[in-house]
Every structure is written in C-alpha cells, then in structure tokens.
Protein backbone atom coordinates (compact mmCIF):
# COMPACT_ATOMS: atom_id res chain seq x y z
CA MET A 1 153.50 128.56 46.37
CA ARG A 2 150.44 128.88 44.18
CA ASN A 3 152.66 129.93 41.27
CA GLU A 4 154.94 126.93 41.62
CA ILE A 5 152.85 125.18 38.99
CA LYS A 6 149.82 126.72 37.57
CA GLY A 7 147.24 125.48 35.42
CA LEU A 8 147.31 122.73 33.02
CA ASN A 9 147.61 119.54 35.03
CA GLU A 10 145.33 116.81 33.82
CA GLU A 11 144.70 113.18 34.57
CA CYS A 12 142.81 112.03 31.51
CA GLY A 13 141.89 108.98 29.46
CA VAL A 14 142.26 108.46 25.71
CA PHE A 15 140.75 105.87 23.38
CA GLY A 16 141.21 105.36 19.65
CA VAL A 17 139.98 102.75 17.19
CA PHE A 18 140.52 102.24 13.45
CA GLY A 19 138.56 99.98 11.11
CA VAL A 20 135.32 99.10 12.88
CA PRO A 21 131.70 99.93 11.97
CA GLU A 22 130.10 102.45 14.34
CA ALA A 23 133.45 103.58 15.68
CA ASN A 24 131.56 106.28 17.57
CA ARG A 25 129.77 103.77 19.81
CA VAL A 26 132.85 101.60 20.27
CA THR A 27 134.71 104.71 21.44
CA TYR A 28 131.85 105.67 23.75
CA PHE A 29 132.00 102.27 25.45
CA GLY A 30 135.78 102.47 25.73
CA LEU A 31 135.56 105.92 27.33
CA HIS A 32 132.91 104.61 29.71
CA ASN A 33 135.55 102.27 31.19
CA LEU A 34 137.96 105.21 31.46
CA GLN A 35 135.53 107.56 33.20
CA HIS A 36 137.50 107.21 36.46
CA ARG A 37 140.34 109.10 34.76
CA GLY A 38 138.34 112.27 34.19
CA GLN A 39 134.88 113.56 34.91
CA GLU A 40 134.86 117.21 33.81
CA GLY A 41 134.61 116.81 30.05
CA ALA A 42 134.43 114.28 27.24
CA GLY A 43 134.50 114.19 23.46
CA ILE A 44 134.74 112.01 20.37
CA VAL A 45 136.00 112.74 16.84
CA THR A 46 135.30 110.30 13.99
CA THR A 47 136.28 110.01 10.33
CA ASP A 48 134.46 108.47 7.38
CA GLY A 49 137.59 108.54 5.23
CA GLU A 50 136.86 112.02 3.89
CA HIS A 51 135.72 114.25 6.73
CA LEU A 52 136.21 114.49 10.49
CA TYR A 53 133.22 114.93 12.82
CA GLN A 54 133.38 116.19 16.41
CA HIS A 55 131.23 116.38 19.51
CA ARG A 56 132.56 117.44 22.92
CA ASP A 57 131.25 119.14 26.02
CA ARG A 58 131.78 119.54 29.73
CA GLY A 59 130.45 116.92 32.13
CA LEU A 60 130.35 113.15 32.41
CA LEU A 61 130.34 111.04 29.26
CA SER A 62 126.65 110.18 29.70
CA GLU A 63 125.81 113.88 30.03
CA VAL A 64 127.87 114.90 27.02
CA PHE A 65 126.10 112.32 24.83
CA ALA A 66 122.65 112.51 26.44
CA ASP A 67 121.14 113.57 23.09
CA PRO A 68 121.30 110.55 20.72
CA SER A 69 121.53 112.84 17.67
CA ASP A 70 124.97 114.03 18.84
CA MET A 71 126.24 110.46 18.63
CA GLU A 72 124.57 109.77 15.29
CA ARG A 73 126.33 112.71 13.65
CA LEU A 74 129.69 111.04 14.40
CA VAL A 75 129.84 108.76 11.36
CA GLY A 76 132.75 106.65 10.21
CA ASP A 77 134.84 103.58 11.01
CA ALA A 78 137.64 105.29 12.96
CA ALA A 79 137.56 107.54 16.01
CA ILE A 80 139.45 108.97 18.95
CA GLY A 81 137.91 109.97 22.28
CA HIS A 82 138.92 111.64 25.51
CA VAL A 83 137.70 112.03 29.09
CA ARG A 84 139.16 115.01 30.88
CA TYR A 85 140.00 116.14 34.35
CA GLY A 86 141.18 119.78 34.44
CA THR A 87 142.28 121.96 37.34
CA SER A 88 142.15 125.50 38.72
CA GLY A 89 139.39 127.16 36.76
CA HIS A 90 140.24 125.82 33.32
CA ASN A 91 137.05 123.83 32.88
CA SER A 92 136.17 125.58 29.62
CA ILE A 93 134.68 124.01 26.50
CA ASN A 94 137.80 125.23 24.67
CA ASN A 95 139.91 122.84 26.76
CA VAL A 96 137.70 119.78 26.22
CA GLN A 97 139.30 117.26 23.89
CA PRO A 98 139.75 115.83 21.33
CA PHE A 99 140.76 119.07 19.62
CA LEU A 100 139.89 119.32 15.91
CA PHE A 101 141.94 121.53 13.59
CA HIS A 102 141.04 122.43 10.01
CA PHE A 103 143.84 122.98 7.49
CA HIS A 104 143.89 123.40 3.72
CA ASP A 105 145.91 120.20 3.39
CA GLY A 106 143.72 118.10 5.69
CA ASP A 107 142.04 118.15 9.09
CA ILE A 108 143.51 116.58 12.20
CA ALA A 109 142.16 115.74 15.66
CA MET A 110 144.26 115.29 18.81
CA ALA A 111 143.74 113.80 22.27
CA HIS A 112 146.33 113.88 25.06
CA ASN A 113 146.92 112.45 28.52
CA GLY A 114 149.78 113.99 30.44
CA GLN A 115 151.62 117.26 30.86
CA LEU A 116 154.42 118.99 28.98
CA THR A 117 157.08 120.33 31.32
CA ASN A 118 158.42 122.86 28.78
CA ALA A 119 154.98 124.07 27.67
CA VAL A 120 155.35 127.64 28.94
CA THR A 121 158.62 128.21 27.06
CA LEU A 122 157.32 126.64 23.86
CA ARG A 123 154.04 128.55 23.95
CA ARG A 124 155.76 131.88 24.54
CA LYS A 125 158.07 131.26 21.61
CA LEU A 126 155.16 130.25 19.36
CA GLU A 127 153.11 133.30 20.35
CA ASP A 128 156.11 135.56 19.67
CA ASN A 129 156.19 134.05 16.17
CA GLY A 130 152.50 134.81 15.59
CA ALA A 131 150.73 131.64 16.78
CA VAL A 132 147.19 132.15 18.11
CA PHE A 133 145.90 129.70 20.74
CA GLN A 134 142.24 128.80 21.20
CA SER A 135 142.73 127.07 24.57
CA ASP A 136 145.07 127.24 27.56
CA SER A 137 145.81 123.51 27.36
CA ASP A 138 149.38 122.44 26.66
CA THR A 139 148.01 119.96 24.11
CA GLU A 140 147.48 122.68 21.52
CA ILE A 141 151.19 123.51 21.49
CA LEU A 142 151.89 120.32 19.57
CA ILE A 143 149.79 121.21 16.54
CA HIS A 144 151.51 124.61 16.18
CA LEU A 145 154.92 122.95 16.27
CA ILE A 146 153.83 120.37 13.70
CA ARG A 147 152.58 123.11 11.35
CA GLN A 148 155.92 124.91 11.57
CA ASN A 149 157.57 121.81 10.11
CA ILE A 150 154.76 120.52 7.88
CA HIS A 151 156.88 121.09 4.76
CA MET A 152 158.75 117.93 5.80
CA GLY A 153 155.56 115.86 5.59
CA PHE A 154 153.27 115.05 8.52
CA ILE A 155 155.10 112.08 10.07
CA PRO A 156 158.60 113.68 9.88
CA ALA A 157 157.12 116.91 11.30
CA LEU A 158 155.44 114.94 14.08
CA LYS A 159 158.66 113.10 14.94
CA LYS A 160 160.59 116.37 15.11
CA THR A 161 157.90 117.91 17.31
CA LEU A 162 157.75 114.93 19.69
CA ASN A 163 161.46 115.41 20.28
CA MET A 164 160.87 119.08 21.14
CA VAL A 165 158.18 118.56 23.78
CA LYS A 166 159.19 117.23 27.21
CA GLY A 167 157.34 115.60 30.08
CA GLY A 168 154.89 112.73 30.38
CA PHE A 169 152.49 112.30 27.46
CA ALA A 170 150.36 109.88 25.51
CA PHE A 171 149.02 111.37 22.27
CA LEU A 172 146.42 110.14 19.81
CA PHE A 173 145.97 111.79 16.40
CA LEU A 174 143.20 111.16 13.88
CA GLN A 175 143.43 112.13 10.22
CA LYS A 176 140.86 111.27 7.59
CA ASP A 177 142.58 108.00 6.71
CA ARG A 178 144.73 107.01 9.71
CA LEU A 179 145.12 106.87 13.48
CA ILE A 180 148.47 107.72 15.08
CA ALA A 181 149.64 107.09 18.65
CA ALA A 182 152.77 108.32 20.44
CA LEU A 183 154.17 107.82 23.95
CA ASP A 184 156.75 109.86 25.86
CA PRO A 185 160.37 108.57 26.05
CA ASN A 186 159.88 107.33 29.63
CA GLY A 187 156.45 105.72 29.20
CA ILE A 188 155.27 107.74 32.20
CA ARG A 189 151.63 107.78 31.13
CA PRO A 190 150.04 104.41 30.29
CA LEU A 191 149.06 103.47 26.74
CA CYS A 192 148.28 100.04 25.33
CA LEU A 193 147.45 98.42 22.00
CA GLY A 194 144.62 95.96 21.43
CA GLN A 195 142.79 94.27 18.57
CA MET A 196 139.10 93.57 18.05
CA PRO A 197 137.72 90.30 16.61
CA ASN A 198 137.37 91.88 13.14
CA GLY A 199 141.05 92.91 13.19
CA ALA A 200 140.47 96.56 14.06
CA TYR A 201 143.21 98.07 16.23
CA VAL A 202 142.51 99.95 19.46
CA VAL A 203 144.91 102.24 21.36
CA THR A 204 143.87 103.35 24.84
CA SER A 205 145.07 104.48 28.26
CA GLU A 206 144.11 101.29 30.10
CA SER A 207 143.43 97.69 29.13
CA CYS A 208 140.07 97.78 30.98
CA ALA A 209 138.80 99.86 28.04
CA LEU A 210 139.73 97.00 25.70
CA ASP A 211 137.66 94.52 27.69
CA ILE A 212 134.38 96.38 27.23
CA VAL A 213 134.74 96.44 23.41
CA ASP A 214 135.82 92.77 23.23
CA ALA A 215 139.36 93.67 22.15
CA LYS A 216 142.36 91.55 23.05
CA LEU A 217 145.37 93.20 24.69
CA ILE A 218 148.37 92.88 22.37
CA ARG A 219 150.99 94.87 24.26
CA ASP A 220 151.87 98.19 25.84
CA VAL A 221 152.99 101.04 23.62
CA GLN A 222 156.70 101.44 24.33
CA PRO A 223 158.57 104.60 25.38
CA GLY A 224 159.47 106.71 22.34
CA GLU A 225 157.22 104.65 20.08
CA LEU A 226 155.08 105.98 17.22
CA LEU A 227 152.29 103.77 15.87
CA VAL A 228 150.45 104.46 12.62
CA ILE A 229 147.25 102.52 11.86
CA ASP A 230 145.62 102.74 8.44
CA LYS A 231 143.81 100.55 5.91
CA ASP A 232 147.02 98.54 5.43
CA GLY A 233 147.23 97.71 9.14
CA LEU A 234 149.65 98.56 11.93
CA HIS A 235 152.96 100.32 11.21
CA GLU A 236 155.44 100.39 14.09
CA ASP A 237 157.90 103.27 14.20
CA ARG A 238 159.92 105.32 16.68
CA TYR A 239 160.65 109.03 17.06
CA THR A 240 163.51 108.52 19.54
CA ASP A 241 165.72 105.75 20.90
CA ASP A 242 166.81 107.83 23.89
CA THR A 243 164.40 106.13 26.27
CA LYS A 244 164.26 104.80 29.83
CA LEU A 245 161.16 103.21 31.32
CA ALA A 246 159.66 105.21 34.22
CA ILE A 247 155.96 104.32 34.49
CA CYS A 248 153.99 106.53 36.87
CA SER A 249 153.78 104.49 40.09
CA MET A 250 150.52 106.26 40.98
CA GLU A 251 148.81 104.39 38.15
CA TYR A 252 149.36 101.17 40.11
CA ILE A 253 148.79 102.76 43.52
CA TYR A 254 145.65 104.76 42.79
CA PHE A 255 144.61 105.82 39.30
CA ALA A 256 144.21 102.75 37.15
CA ARG A 257 141.28 100.39 37.52
CA PRO A 258 142.18 97.17 39.39
CA ASP A 259 141.30 95.06 36.33
CA SER A 260 143.77 96.90 34.08
CA ILE A 261 147.12 95.39 33.09
CA ILE A 262 150.03 97.82 32.72
CA HIS A 263 153.35 96.52 31.39
CA GLY A 264 152.46 92.96 32.24
CA VAL A 265 151.32 93.71 35.81
CA THR A 266 147.67 93.39 36.85
CA VAL A 267 146.88 96.44 38.97
CA HIS A 268 144.88 94.42 41.52
CA SER A 269 147.79 92.01 42.02
CA ALA A 270 150.24 94.88 42.52
CA ARG A 271 147.97 96.55 45.07
CA LYS A 272 147.41 93.31 46.96
CA GLN A 273 151.17 92.76 47.14
CA MET A 274 151.60 96.34 48.39
CA GLY A 275 149.20 95.45 51.19
CA ARG A 276 151.13 92.28 52.06
CA LEU A 277 154.44 94.12 52.23
CA LEU A 278 152.84 96.94 54.22
CA ALA A 279 151.71 94.43 56.84
CA LYS A 280 155.32 93.26 57.22
CA GLU A 281 156.81 96.75 57.26
CA GLN A 282 154.11 98.41 59.39
CA PRO A 283 152.33 95.85 61.59
CA ALA A 284 149.59 96.81 64.06
CA PRO A 285 150.03 94.26 66.89
CA ASP A 286 146.83 94.95 68.84
CA ALA A 287 144.48 95.14 65.85
CA ASP A 288 141.24 93.15 65.70
CA MET A 289 140.46 93.64 62.01
CA VAL A 290 141.47 95.27 58.74
CA ILE A 291 139.20 97.48 56.68
CA GLY A 292 139.88 99.14 53.33
CA VAL A 293 138.86 102.56 52.08
CA PRO A 294 136.63 101.90 49.06
CA ASN A 295 137.31 101.46 46.26
CA SER A 296 140.94 101.85 45.20
CA SER A 297 142.31 100.56 48.54
CA LEU A 298 140.34 97.32 48.79
CA SER A 299 142.98 95.23 47.03
CA ALA A 300 145.75 96.48 49.34
CA ALA A 301 143.55 95.99 52.41
CA SER A 302 142.88 92.36 51.51
CA GLY A 303 146.62 91.80 51.08
CA TYR A 304 147.35 93.39 54.46
CA ALA A 305 144.74 91.27 56.22
CA GLU A 306 146.05 88.11 54.56
CA ALA A 307 149.66 88.78 55.57
CA ALA A 308 148.72 89.92 59.10
CA GLY A 309 146.39 86.98 59.72
CA LEU A 310 143.53 89.33 60.59
CA PRO A 311 139.89 89.27 59.48
CA TYR A 312 139.12 91.58 56.55
CA GLU A 313 135.86 93.38 57.29
CA MET A 314 133.62 95.87 55.54
CA GLY A 315 133.88 98.75 57.99
CA LEU A 316 133.37 101.55 55.49
CA ILE A 317 130.63 101.76 52.88
CA LYS A 318 130.89 103.90 49.77
CA ASN A 319 127.97 105.63 48.11
CA GLN A 320 128.70 104.64 44.51
CA TYR A 321 126.88 107.66 43.09
CA VAL A 322 129.36 110.22 44.36
CA ALA A 323 132.49 111.15 42.40
CA ARG A 324 135.98 110.51 43.75
CA THR A 325 137.07 113.28 46.13
CA PHE A 326 140.50 113.35 44.47
CA ILE A 327 138.80 114.30 41.21
CA GLN A 328 137.01 117.26 42.79
CA PRO A 329 138.75 120.50 41.79
CA THR A 330 138.44 122.51 45.03
CA GLN A 331 139.24 121.77 48.66
CA ALA A 332 135.71 122.68 49.82
CA LEU A 333 134.19 120.22 47.36
CA ARG A 334 136.65 117.52 48.43
CA GLU A 335 135.73 117.91 52.11
CA GLN A 336 132.03 117.77 51.38
CA GLY A 337 132.63 114.82 49.05
CA VAL A 338 134.18 112.69 51.83
CA LYS A 339 131.06 113.06 53.97
CA MET A 340 128.80 112.27 51.04
CA LYS A 341 130.67 109.23 49.82
CA LEU A 342 131.72 107.26 52.92
CA SER A 343 129.88 105.87 55.94
CA ALA A 344 131.21 103.81 58.84
CA VAL A 345 129.51 100.49 59.68
CA ARG A 346 128.91 100.87 63.41
CA GLY A 347 128.06 97.22 64.04
CA VAL A 348 131.43 96.15 62.57
CA VAL A 349 133.82 98.69 64.11
CA ALA A 350 132.26 99.48 67.52
CA GLY A 351 134.59 98.46 70.38
CA LYS A 352 137.28 97.23 67.98
CA ASN A 353 140.90 98.12 67.27
CA VAL A 354 140.79 98.83 63.56
CA VAL A 355 143.51 98.93 60.90
CA VAL A 356 142.42 101.19 58.03
CA VAL A 357 144.34 100.60 54.79
CA ASP A 358 144.33 103.44 52.28
CA ASP A 359 146.31 103.75 49.04
CA SER A 360 147.81 107.20 49.61
CA ILE A 361 147.62 110.42 51.58
CA VAL A 362 147.86 113.49 49.39
CA ARG A 363 146.11 116.39 51.10
CA GLY A 364 145.03 114.50 54.23
CA THR A 365 141.40 115.63 54.11
CA THR A 366 139.92 112.18 53.55
CA SER A 367 142.14 110.42 56.11
CA LYS A 368 141.29 112.81 58.93
CA GLN A 369 137.57 112.50 58.31
CA ILE A 370 137.76 108.69 58.10
CA VAL A 371 139.48 108.48 61.49
CA ARG A 372 136.90 110.79 63.02
CA MET A 373 134.03 108.90 61.38
CA LEU A 374 135.24 105.52 62.70
CA LYS A 375 135.77 106.80 66.23
CA GLU A 376 132.31 108.38 66.22
CA ALA A 377 131.02 104.92 65.22
CA GLY A 378 132.63 103.45 68.34
CA ALA A 379 136.04 102.20 67.16
CA LYS A 380 138.35 101.76 70.17
CA SER A 381 141.44 102.69 68.14
CA VAL A 382 142.19 103.52 64.49
CA HIS A 383 145.56 102.63 62.97
CA MET A 384 146.09 104.17 59.53
CA ARG A 385 148.24 102.15 57.15
CA ILE A 386 149.10 103.61 53.75
CA ALA A 387 150.05 101.32 50.85
CA SER A 388 152.49 103.87 49.39
CA PRO A 389 155.21 106.17 50.79
CA PRO A 390 154.51 109.71 52.05
CA PHE A 391 153.62 111.94 49.07
CA ARG A 392 156.19 114.70 49.60
CA PHE A 393 156.95 116.01 46.12
CA PRO A 394 154.80 117.34 43.27
CA CYS A 395 153.97 115.52 40.06
CA PHE A 396 154.83 117.36 36.84
CA TYR A 397 153.65 114.66 34.46
CA GLY A 398 149.88 115.01 34.43
CA ILE A 399 148.39 114.35 37.88
CA ASP A 400 146.66 116.99 39.99
CA VAL A 401 149.16 117.00 42.83
CA SER A 402 151.56 119.59 41.45
CA ASN A 403 151.03 122.30 44.06
CA ARG A 404 153.41 121.45 46.89
CA ALA A 405 151.51 123.64 49.31
CA GLU A 406 148.68 121.07 49.29
CA LEU A 407 150.84 118.02 50.01
CA MET A 408 150.47 117.09 53.68
CA ALA A 409 153.67 115.02 53.82
CA ALA A 410 155.68 117.90 52.34
CA HIS A 411 155.13 119.91 55.53
CA TYR A 412 154.76 117.40 58.36
CA SER A 413 156.65 114.39 59.69
CA VAL A 414 154.83 111.05 60.00
CA PRO A 415 154.24 111.52 63.77
CA GLU A 416 152.91 115.04 63.09
CA MET A 417 150.60 113.73 60.37
CA CYS A 418 149.35 111.05 62.75
CA LYS A 419 148.54 113.67 65.36
CA LEU A 420 146.78 115.94 62.84
CA MET A 421 144.67 113.01 61.67
CA GLU A 422 143.83 112.05 65.25
CA ALA A 423 144.87 108.45 64.46
CA ASP A 424 146.34 106.09 67.05
CA SER A 425 149.21 105.20 64.73
CA LEU A 426 150.26 105.85 61.14
CA GLY A 427 152.55 103.84 58.88
CA PHE A 428 153.55 104.00 55.21
CA LEU A 429 154.94 101.48 52.73
CA SER A 430 158.56 102.15 51.72
CA VAL A 431 159.71 103.09 48.21
CA ASP A 432 161.48 99.72 48.02
CA GLY A 433 158.19 98.07 48.98
CA VAL A 434 156.36 99.78 46.12
CA VAL A 435 159.03 98.77 43.60
CA LYS A 436 159.06 95.18 44.88
CA ALA A 437 155.25 94.91 44.93
CA ILE A 438 154.76 96.14 41.36
CA ASN A 439 157.75 94.23 39.95
CA VAL A 440 157.54 95.35 36.30
CA PRO A 441 158.83 92.36 34.28
CA ASP A 442 160.32 94.30 31.33
CA ALA A 443 162.05 97.04 33.36
CA GLY A 444 165.59 95.90 32.56
CA ASP A 445 168.14 98.16 34.25
CA ALA A 446 165.76 101.11 34.58
CA PRO A 447 165.99 102.89 37.97
CA TYR A 448 163.38 101.98 40.59
CA GLY A 449 162.25 98.95 38.63
CA GLY A 450 161.04 101.08 35.72
CA LEU A 451 158.80 103.31 37.87
CA THR A 452 158.51 107.02 38.56
CA VAL A 453 158.70 107.35 42.35
CA ALA A 454 159.70 111.03 42.41
CA TYR A 455 156.53 111.93 44.35
CA PHE A 456 158.03 110.10 47.32
CA ASN A 457 161.76 110.79 47.06
CA GLY A 458 162.15 113.79 44.71
CA ASP A 459 164.20 111.83 42.14
CA TYR A 460 162.52 112.88 38.86
CA PRO A 461 163.25 110.82 35.74
CA THR A 462 163.40 113.94 33.53
CA PRO A 463 164.52 117.56 33.85
CA LEU A 464 161.68 119.81 35.08
CA TYR A 465 162.35 122.64 32.59
CA ASP A 466 159.77 125.41 33.18
CA PHE A 467 159.03 124.13 36.67
CA GLU A 468 162.60 123.82 37.95
CA GLU A 469 162.95 127.34 39.35
CA GLY A 470 159.62 127.38 41.19
CA TYR A 471 160.16 123.86 42.50
CA LEU A 472 163.63 124.64 43.90
CA LYS A 473 162.30 127.87 45.40
CA SER A 474 159.54 125.96 47.21
CA LEU A 475 162.09 123.48 48.59
CA ASN A 476 164.25 126.32 49.88
CA GLU A 477 161.27 128.06 51.47
CA GLN A 478 160.23 124.85 53.19
CA GLU A 479 163.76 124.27 54.50
CA LYS A 480 163.81 127.81 55.93
CA ARG A 481 160.48 127.24 57.67
CA ALA A 482 161.63 123.89 59.06
CA ARG A 483 164.86 125.46 60.36
CA LYS A 484 162.91 128.28 62.00
CA GLU A 485 160.57 125.77 63.68
CA ARG A 486 163.54 123.71 64.96
CA LEU A 487 165.17 126.82 66.43
CA SER A 488 161.92 127.91 68.09
CA LYS A 489 161.74 124.55 69.88
C-alpha cells in the first residue's frame, strides 16, 4: 500500500506579480494570505529586468524571511513566490520553491501547485537521456522538457511541454522581463488573475491573496490557458483547447480560505450551503445544539444550525497558534496536534445532545478525539455530521491524501466508522449535495457541475498514468479483504 503513491504530493500556494515597486514585499504579503496552503517551506524570486534574485528556506514564511537583509536582496518590480507543503521525508531545501535555473540564454524561475500523474515515466525517460535532477519534486521535470525543445523558442517549447505533462497543475514562471502563468486542462488546481491600483497584474492560487495587496479580482485563469505578462501588459493565450472543467471540490470543502472566490463561488457561501443541505439529508432529531470544528467547518456548521432550527454554539475552542493537523506530515504529529489545538467548552456541552459539524473525515484521528473530548466534557450524546461524502479514494492531483491505506472510509462502512469514533451517530453529505451546494456558474455541461469528486466516488476526470497500476491493485486487495471478512461472518 505504501508504494501505491510515493512521494511528491503537495498542497501549495503560488503568487506572482509584474510591474509594481517592491515586488518582493507585495509577494510576501500575498504569500502570508496563502500560508494555510503550506507551512514547510517558502521562497520568493524577483527580477529587476536584468537579473533574477532568489531566497528560499524551510519553515513558515515569517521564519524564512526573519532576517530583513534576505528580503532586501530581492530587488525588482516583478516576482513569484511559493509556500510549500511536502510529504514523506522530502522536506529538503532542494524541494523548496520557486526553483531558479541558470542558462546561457537567460535564467528562469518556476513555482508549482499540484501533481503530475505521469512524472515517474517522464523523469525516467529524461534521466535515460542524460538529464540530472537537483530535487525529487515533479516540478523540475518541466524545465528539462522545455530545454529539450528550446530551439522552437520559449513559448512554443512551453506549450509543447504543457501538453506532455498530465495531472493537476498551476505553474508560474518568471523570466527577466516577463511573468507567465499556466493552468492544467481541467482547472483542477485554483488560479486567479487580479490587478493592482497601479495596473500591475497579479496571478495567485486564491483571491484572498489579492485582497491583502489591494488587488481587484479580474477572473479565474481558465483550463488550458497560458497568460504572459510583460511591460506591454497582459497577453492571453492557450496551449490546448482539449479542456473540461473539474475544479478540486476539496478546495471548497476544506483547503481554500472562506473569503476566497473560486470560479465565481465564495467559499464561505458554498460551505454554508453544504451545511444546510447536510441538515436536510442527515438530521439529528434529538439534538440540543450545533457546534462546528474550528476553523474550516464553522461556515458549514452555521448553515446546518440555520436549516435545522437549532442554536449554533461555540462548543470547541481552537488554539490559533497551532498548525492544522492535516498539514502535519506524520500520524504521531497529527494525533498530538489535535490535543494541542482543540478544547471542549464544558459549560456549553455538559448534559447536552450535540451535533458536531466537520468538513471531512480523512484519516479519522481528529474526529475520534473530538468525540472523546466532548464526552469527557459532559456531552450526553455526540452526533457527527460531515459536510462532504466519505473520502474513499486517493487524490492524485496535489493533495496529501494519496495513500489509500490512510483513508478511513476506504476500509470501513459508515456504521463501522461511527463505532470506531465512539459517536452516537454519523452522517455524510451526498455527492449530489456537494455539487448542488457549490453550484459553479460557468460549469456548462462539465460532469459533476465542473468539480472533481473522484475522492468520493472514484470517477477521476483524467487517466491516472503512473498511478493506475498501483491504484487498481489496492482496489483489488481491498475487495479481497472485504470478501474474506464477509465469509468469516
């Protein structure tokens, strides 16, 4: 199981700006509003029109730029930045982005959010042809492919390369005199375009990063789109027309900040509607109150309470100085993180029948400890309600849930999960409920309302390439185990 997917999964944030004084500081502020997307490394590359300057390191953004001189060395009026979350022992300085490459015909920096599903095949082929890699990140593959076709010119080489790589990806590139952005053909990873008061363009993972730099949201970058920003302004181009919108539904459910807008949908509004629909699909008739798990579930909890006609109480308190448990790279750290970050409010929950609304159950660690915590605080009963469907299938597009062995819902039925969590009842929102709640306005005829919901139903919007064999093997192994368990009963 551990070999089903190894390695390079990341949930990251990217930010790029062109044409603003002190682009380094603008990028720093933008990355600050994307810190929730990655906490293991950060970096910025700038250009002054002649040279590119880089600083990157492991740690939080504030730690990476704790020395003011590191920021001051990043001169210029254009920049790209990156906050990184890496998995399974790959937290090396060599994997911290943006990457900066030096070539005789001009330097280039790259930042990436996502995962390439054919990275292993491409890398092996490149290495067989003499390519030498400095990192084990799939991001570096792109630059080697571009260099193989550089005789065509950079943009044609980039277009050809973007049609060779598969998966979910949002790329930013910085050359001495331009900023380039590209999004995968399904728009799986989020990427939006904004403009500052002085006319400078910004491209970033979430619109909340535009707000902090006083930039206005123009629109989302479209699937298969290639944007080039230089001194003459914005140039809109495409590298493919073979596209179909399939935005990662987990952006709306969990990852994105509630104040972000993705494809015309405010994340808070989508989450609140998920909560409303959850109350209709999974009511808790004897409940006295609704509480949310801070912070990403609060919107859904308020929607549930509203639709159920129940009081919405603060039954759990979060210590804001502890990192998200989902962003912790090991199970031991995640378990310790739950205890550090959440506390039950005894005076609120004691003697009450409580509905706890959470956004998702991935590994189940947090949910089990929340139930136990509330019962220890005197709750009469705890009814878990989850504002998304059971997470049964891995993600291969850049989220750290690609090892199926860790997915609780992949191995247990809902009643079994309820028993393991020691909850009094457990209910999930349906896939149809998620699609209806998010309601992407420009989805057209795209399946599932323009969303990727494969984590819940196994219907992936793209081929899995390198991961297909291991994924199918894991499904077969699970079916054998399930059959054996049924026979033993």
